[in-house]
């Protein structure tokens, strides 16, 4: 069987299938079987959706360390944390925040 044509959802020729499957429809393919002398219409559908697992060790986090916590700030610096003056927060790896027992002070997270 050979693919003769692929169309994205919403293109002309996919409207009826788009009405049938809604936003789960990804694309429509037309396949031909020369031996059987037939044409087949197939659809690609989204059947499951879930968040991508992100390893927390790959996260940057912003943590609040108060001005008077001098020793804690020095420890964070030694472990690679950086002061973000605009945000008035410390940027560090999640692993660093966890080892300094600061995971309950995390304000914001982002992927490295």
N, C-alpha and C. Protein backbone atom coordinates (compact mmCIF):
# COMPACT_ATOMS: atom_id res chain seq x y z
N UNK A 1 0.85 -1.17 0.00
CA UNK A 1 0.00 0.00 0.00
C UNK A 1 0.89 1.23 0.00
N UNK A 2 0.57 2.18 -0.84
CA UNK A 2 1.34 3.42 -0.94
C UNK A 2 0.50 4.61 -0.51
N UNK A 3 1.16 5.60 0.10
CA UNK A 3 0.47 6.84 0.45
C UNK A 3 0.46 7.73 -0.79
N UNK A 4 -0.74 8.11 -1.23
CA UNK A 4 -0.83 8.96 -2.42
C UNK A 4 -0.98 10.43 -2.05
N UNK A 5 -1.53 10.71 -0.86
CA UNK A 5 -1.73 12.10 -0.47
C UNK A 5 -1.91 12.19 1.04
N UNK A 6 -1.33 13.23 1.65
CA UNK A 6 -1.51 13.51 3.07
C UNK A 6 -1.98 14.95 3.20
N UNK A 7 -3.06 15.14 3.98
CA UNK A 7 -3.60 16.49 4.19
C UNK A 7 -3.75 16.75 5.68
N UNK A 8 -3.38 17.94 6.09
CA UNK A 8 -3.52 18.35 7.48
C UNK A 8 -4.98 18.65 7.80
N UNK A 9 -5.36 18.45 9.05
CA UNK A 9 -6.73 18.74 9.48
C UNK A 9 -7.07 20.19 9.16
N UNK A 10 -8.24 20.40 8.57
CA UNK A 10 -8.69 21.74 8.22
C UNK A 10 -8.53 22.08 6.75
N UNK A 11 -7.67 21.33 6.04
CA UNK A 11 -7.51 21.58 4.61
C UNK A 11 -8.75 21.10 3.86
N UNK A 12 -8.91 21.62 2.63
CA UNK A 12 -10.03 21.18 1.79
C UNK A 12 -9.96 19.67 1.62
N UNK A 13 -11.07 19.00 1.80
CA UNK A 13 -11.12 17.55 1.69
C UNK A 13 -11.08 16.86 3.04
N UNK A 14 -10.90 17.64 4.11
CA UNK A 14 -10.86 17.05 5.45
C UNK A 14 -12.02 17.53 6.32
N UNK A 15 -12.85 18.39 5.79
CA UNK A 15 -13.90 19.03 6.59
C UNK A 15 -14.87 18.03 7.23
N UNK A 16 -15.32 17.03 6.48
CA UNK A 16 -16.27 16.06 7.02
C UNK A 16 -15.63 15.26 8.16
N UNK A 17 -14.37 14.88 7.95
CA UNK A 17 -13.67 14.13 9.00
C UNK A 17 -13.37 15.02 10.20
N UNK A 18 -13.11 16.29 9.95
CA UNK A 18 -12.88 17.24 11.04
C UNK A 18 -14.16 17.40 11.86
N UNK A 19 -15.30 17.43 11.19
CA UNK A 19 -16.58 17.49 11.91
C UNK A 19 -16.80 16.23 12.74
N UNK A 20 -16.39 15.10 12.22
CA UNK A 20 -16.58 13.82 12.90
C UNK A 20 -15.65 13.66 14.10
N UNK A 21 -14.35 14.02 13.93
CA UNK A 21 -13.35 13.76 14.98
C UNK A 21 -12.95 14.98 15.79
N UNK A 22 -13.31 16.16 15.33
CA UNK A 22 -13.00 17.39 16.06
C UNK A 22 -11.51 17.67 16.12
N UNK A 23 -11.07 18.31 17.22
CA UNK A 23 -9.67 18.71 17.32
C UNK A 23 -8.72 17.54 17.59
N UNK A 24 -9.25 16.33 17.68
CA UNK A 24 -8.39 15.14 17.82
C UNK A 24 -7.77 14.75 16.48
N UNK A 25 -8.36 15.24 15.36
CA UNK A 25 -7.87 14.90 14.03
C UNK A 25 -6.55 15.63 13.75
N UNK A 26 -5.52 14.86 13.40
CA UNK A 26 -4.21 15.43 13.06
C UNK A 26 -4.07 15.55 11.55
N UNK A 27 -4.31 14.45 10.83
CA UNK A 27 -4.21 14.50 9.37
C UNK A 27 -5.02 13.37 8.74
N UNK A 28 -5.21 13.49 7.43
CA UNK A 28 -5.93 12.48 6.64
C UNK A 28 -4.97 12.00 5.57
N UNK A 29 -4.92 10.68 5.38
CA UNK A 29 -4.04 10.12 4.34
C UNK A 29 -4.88 9.27 3.39
N UNK A 30 -4.54 9.39 2.15
CA UNK A 30 -5.14 8.54 1.13
C UNK A 30 -4.09 7.53 0.71
N UNK A 31 -4.43 6.25 0.79
CA UNK A 31 -3.51 5.17 0.43
C UNK A 31 -4.11 4.38 -0.73
N UNK A 32 -3.26 3.90 -1.59
CA UNK A 32 -3.74 3.09 -2.72
C UNK A 32 -3.08 1.72 -2.69
N UNK A 33 -3.90 0.73 -3.00
CA UNK A 33 -3.41 -0.64 -3.14
C UNK A 33 -3.63 -1.03 -4.59
N UNK A 34 -2.54 -1.05 -5.35
CA UNK A 34 -2.65 -1.31 -6.78
C UNK A 34 -3.07 -2.74 -7.08
N UNK A 35 -2.67 -3.68 -6.20
CA UNK A 35 -3.04 -5.08 -6.43
C UNK A 35 -4.54 -5.29 -6.26
N UNK A 36 -5.09 -4.69 -5.21
CA UNK A 36 -6.53 -4.83 -4.96
C UNK A 36 -7.33 -3.78 -5.72
N UNK A 37 -6.64 -2.81 -6.30
CA UNK A 37 -7.25 -1.71 -7.03
C UNK A 37 -8.27 -0.98 -6.17
N UNK A 38 -7.78 -0.58 -4.98
CA UNK A 38 -8.63 0.14 -4.03
C UNK A 38 -7.89 1.36 -3.49
N UNK A 39 -8.69 2.33 -3.07
CA UNK A 39 -8.15 3.51 -2.39
C UNK A 39 -8.73 3.53 -0.98
N UNK A 40 -7.86 3.77 0.01
CA UNK A 40 -8.27 3.80 1.41
C UNK A 40 -8.04 5.19 1.98
N UNK A 41 -8.96 5.62 2.84
CA UNK A 41 -8.80 6.88 3.55
C UNK A 41 -8.50 6.53 5.00
N UNK A 42 -7.39 7.04 5.50
CA UNK A 42 -7.02 6.80 6.90
C UNK A 42 -6.90 8.13 7.62
N UNK A 43 -7.04 8.10 8.92
CA UNK A 43 -6.91 9.31 9.72
C UNK A 43 -5.91 9.07 10.84
N UNK A 44 -5.22 10.13 11.20
CA UNK A 44 -4.35 10.10 12.38
C UNK A 44 -5.06 10.91 13.45
N UNK A 45 -5.27 10.28 14.62
CA UNK A 45 -6.01 10.92 15.70
C UNK A 45 -5.16 11.03 16.96
N UNK A 46 -5.41 12.05 17.73
CA UNK A 46 -4.83 12.16 19.07
C UNK A 46 -5.73 11.35 19.99
N UNK A 47 -5.17 10.35 20.64
CA UNK A 47 -5.97 9.50 21.52
C UNK A 47 -5.63 9.69 22.99
N UNK A 48 -4.50 10.35 23.28
CA UNK A 48 -4.12 10.57 24.67
C UNK A 48 -3.28 11.84 24.74
N UNK A 49 -3.45 12.58 25.80
CA UNK A 49 -2.68 13.81 25.99
C UNK A 49 -2.29 13.88 27.45
N UNK A 50 -1.00 14.09 27.71
CA UNK A 50 -0.54 14.25 29.08
C UNK A 50 0.73 15.08 29.08
N UNK A 51 1.06 15.68 30.21
CA UNK A 51 2.26 16.51 30.28
C UNK A 51 3.52 15.67 30.08
N UNK A 52 4.54 16.31 29.55
CA UNK A 52 5.84 15.66 29.38
C UNK A 52 6.51 15.61 30.75
N UNK A 53 7.07 14.45 31.08
CA UNK A 53 7.79 14.32 32.34
C UNK A 53 9.10 15.08 32.23
N UNK A 54 9.34 15.93 33.18
CA UNK A 54 10.58 16.70 33.22
C UNK A 54 11.35 16.30 34.46
N UNK A 55 12.58 15.90 34.27
CA UNK A 55 13.45 15.56 35.38
C UNK A 55 13.71 16.83 36.18
N UNK A 56 13.36 16.83 37.46
CA UNK A 56 13.49 18.04 38.27
C UNK A 56 14.93 18.52 38.38
N UNK A 57 15.89 17.64 38.18
CA UNK A 57 17.29 18.07 38.25
C UNK A 57 17.64 18.97 37.07
N UNK A 58 16.80 18.98 36.04
CA UNK A 58 17.04 19.83 34.87
C UNK A 58 16.30 21.17 34.98
N UNK A 59 15.76 21.46 36.14
CA UNK A 59 15.02 22.71 36.32
C UNK A 59 15.88 23.79 36.95
N UNK A 60 15.67 25.03 36.52
CA UNK A 60 16.17 26.19 37.23
C UNK A 60 15.02 26.68 38.09
N UNK A 61 15.33 27.11 39.27
CA UNK A 61 14.30 27.65 40.16
C UNK A 61 14.77 28.99 40.70
N UNK A 62 13.82 29.82 41.06
CA UNK A 62 14.10 31.09 41.70
C UNK A 62 13.61 30.99 43.12
N UNK A 63 14.49 31.32 44.05
CA UNK A 63 14.23 31.10 45.47
C UNK A 63 14.43 32.41 46.23
N UNK A 64 13.60 32.60 47.24
CA UNK A 64 13.71 33.77 48.12
C UNK A 64 14.64 33.43 49.28
N UNK A 65 15.75 34.16 49.37
CA UNK A 65 16.64 34.07 50.54
C UNK A 65 16.69 35.49 51.11
N UNK A 66 16.32 35.63 52.34
CA UNK A 66 16.24 36.95 52.95
C UNK A 66 17.62 37.56 53.16
N UNK A 67 17.67 38.88 53.17
CA UNK A 67 18.92 39.62 53.26
C UNK A 67 19.73 39.22 54.50
N UNK A 68 19.07 39.02 55.60
CA UNK A 68 19.75 38.68 56.85
C UNK A 68 20.29 37.25 56.92
N UNK A 69 19.97 36.43 55.95
CA UNK A 69 20.42 35.03 55.94
C UNK A 69 21.78 34.92 55.23
N UNK A 70 22.76 35.60 55.77
CA UNK A 70 24.08 35.71 55.14
C UNK A 70 24.73 34.36 54.89
N UNK A 71 24.72 33.50 55.88
CA UNK A 71 25.36 32.19 55.74
C UNK A 71 24.68 31.36 54.64
N UNK A 72 23.36 31.40 54.60
CA UNK A 72 22.61 30.67 53.58
C UNK A 72 22.92 31.21 52.19
N UNK A 73 23.03 32.54 52.07
CA UNK A 73 23.37 33.13 50.78
C UNK A 73 24.77 32.71 50.33
N UNK A 74 25.71 32.65 51.26
CA UNK A 74 27.07 32.22 50.93
C UNK A 74 27.10 30.77 50.47
N UNK A 75 26.33 29.91 51.14
CA UNK A 75 26.24 28.50 50.74
C UNK A 75 25.67 28.38 49.33
N UNK A 76 24.62 29.14 49.08
CA UNK A 76 23.98 29.10 47.76
C UNK A 76 24.97 29.55 46.69
N UNK A 77 25.72 30.62 46.96
CA UNK A 77 26.73 31.11 46.01
C UNK A 77 27.77 30.03 45.71
N UNK A 78 28.25 29.38 46.76
CA UNK A 78 29.26 28.32 46.59
C UNK A 78 28.76 27.19 45.72
N UNK A 79 27.44 26.96 45.76
CA UNK A 79 26.85 25.87 44.98
C UNK A 79 26.40 26.33 43.59
N UNK A 80 26.75 27.56 43.22
CA UNK A 80 26.47 28.03 41.86
C UNK A 80 25.25 28.91 41.70
N UNK A 81 24.58 29.24 42.78
CA UNK A 81 23.40 30.10 42.68
C UNK A 81 23.82 31.51 42.27
N UNK A 82 22.92 32.19 41.57
CA UNK A 82 23.20 33.55 41.11
C UNK A 82 22.09 34.48 41.56
N UNK A 83 22.47 35.67 42.00
CA UNK A 83 21.51 36.69 42.42
C UNK A 83 20.91 37.35 41.19
N UNK A 84 19.59 37.37 41.12
CA UNK A 84 18.87 38.04 40.03
C UNK A 84 18.29 39.33 40.61
N UNK A 85 19.00 40.44 40.41
CA UNK A 85 18.64 41.72 41.03
C UNK A 85 17.25 42.20 40.63
N UNK A 86 16.89 42.04 39.33
CA UNK A 86 15.58 42.50 38.87
C UNK A 86 14.44 41.80 39.60
N UNK A 87 14.60 40.50 39.82
CA UNK A 87 13.55 39.70 40.46
C UNK A 87 13.69 39.67 41.97
N UNK A 88 14.86 40.08 42.47
CA UNK A 88 15.19 40.00 43.89
C UNK A 88 15.05 38.57 44.40
N UNK A 89 15.54 37.65 43.57
CA UNK A 89 15.50 36.22 43.89
C UNK A 89 16.82 35.59 43.50
N UNK A 90 17.09 34.43 44.07
CA UNK A 90 18.27 33.66 43.73
C UNK A 90 17.90 32.59 42.72
N UNK A 91 18.67 32.51 41.62
CA UNK A 91 18.45 31.50 40.58
C UNK A 91 19.44 30.35 40.83
N UNK A 92 18.90 29.12 40.86
CA UNK A 92 19.74 27.94 41.11
C UNK A 92 19.09 26.70 40.53
N UNK A 93 19.84 25.62 40.49
CA UNK A 93 19.28 24.33 40.08
C UNK A 93 18.34 23.84 41.17
N UNK A 94 17.35 23.06 40.77
CA UNK A 94 16.42 22.48 41.75
C UNK A 94 17.18 21.62 42.76
N UNK A 95 18.19 20.91 42.27
CA UNK A 95 19.00 20.05 43.13
C UNK A 95 19.65 20.87 44.25
N UNK A 96 20.16 22.05 43.90
CA UNK A 96 20.77 22.93 44.89
C UNK A 96 19.74 23.39 45.91
N UNK A 97 18.58 23.81 45.43
CA UNK A 97 17.51 24.26 46.33
C UNK A 97 17.11 23.16 47.30
N UNK A 98 17.03 21.95 46.78
CA UNK A 98 16.64 20.82 47.63
C UNK A 98 17.72 20.51 48.67
N UNK A 99 18.98 20.53 48.25
CA UNK A 99 20.05 20.21 49.19
C UNK A 99 20.19 21.28 50.28
N UNK A 100 19.83 22.53 49.98
CA UNK A 100 19.85 23.59 50.98
C UNK A 100 18.53 23.69 51.74
N UNK A 101 17.64 22.75 51.47
CA UNK A 101 16.31 22.69 52.11
C UNK A 101 15.51 23.98 51.84
N UNK A 102 15.60 24.45 50.58
CA UNK A 102 14.89 25.67 50.17
C UNK A 102 13.74 25.37 49.23
N UNK A 103 13.42 24.08 49.01
CA UNK A 103 12.38 23.73 48.04
C UNK A 103 11.02 24.32 48.40
N UNK A 104 10.80 24.62 49.69
CA UNK A 104 9.52 25.23 50.07
C UNK A 104 9.51 26.74 49.83
N UNK A 105 10.63 27.32 49.41
CA UNK A 105 10.71 28.75 49.12
C UNK A 105 10.75 29.04 47.62
N UNK A 106 10.57 28.03 46.81
CA UNK A 106 10.63 28.22 45.35
C UNK A 106 9.49 29.12 44.89
N UNK A 107 9.85 30.15 44.14
CA UNK A 107 8.86 31.11 43.62
C UNK A 107 8.49 30.76 42.19
N UNK A 108 9.48 30.37 41.37
CA UNK A 108 9.25 30.13 39.96
C UNK A 108 10.18 29.01 39.48
N UNK A 109 9.72 28.23 38.46
CA UNK A 109 10.52 27.16 37.88
C UNK A 109 10.61 27.37 36.37
N UNK A 110 11.71 26.90 35.77
CA UNK A 110 11.82 26.87 34.31
C UNK A 110 12.83 25.80 33.92
N UNK A 111 12.72 25.34 32.67
CA UNK A 111 13.65 24.34 32.15
C UNK A 111 14.93 25.06 31.77
N UNK A 112 16.06 24.42 32.04
CA UNK A 112 17.37 25.01 31.72
C UNK A 112 17.47 25.39 30.28
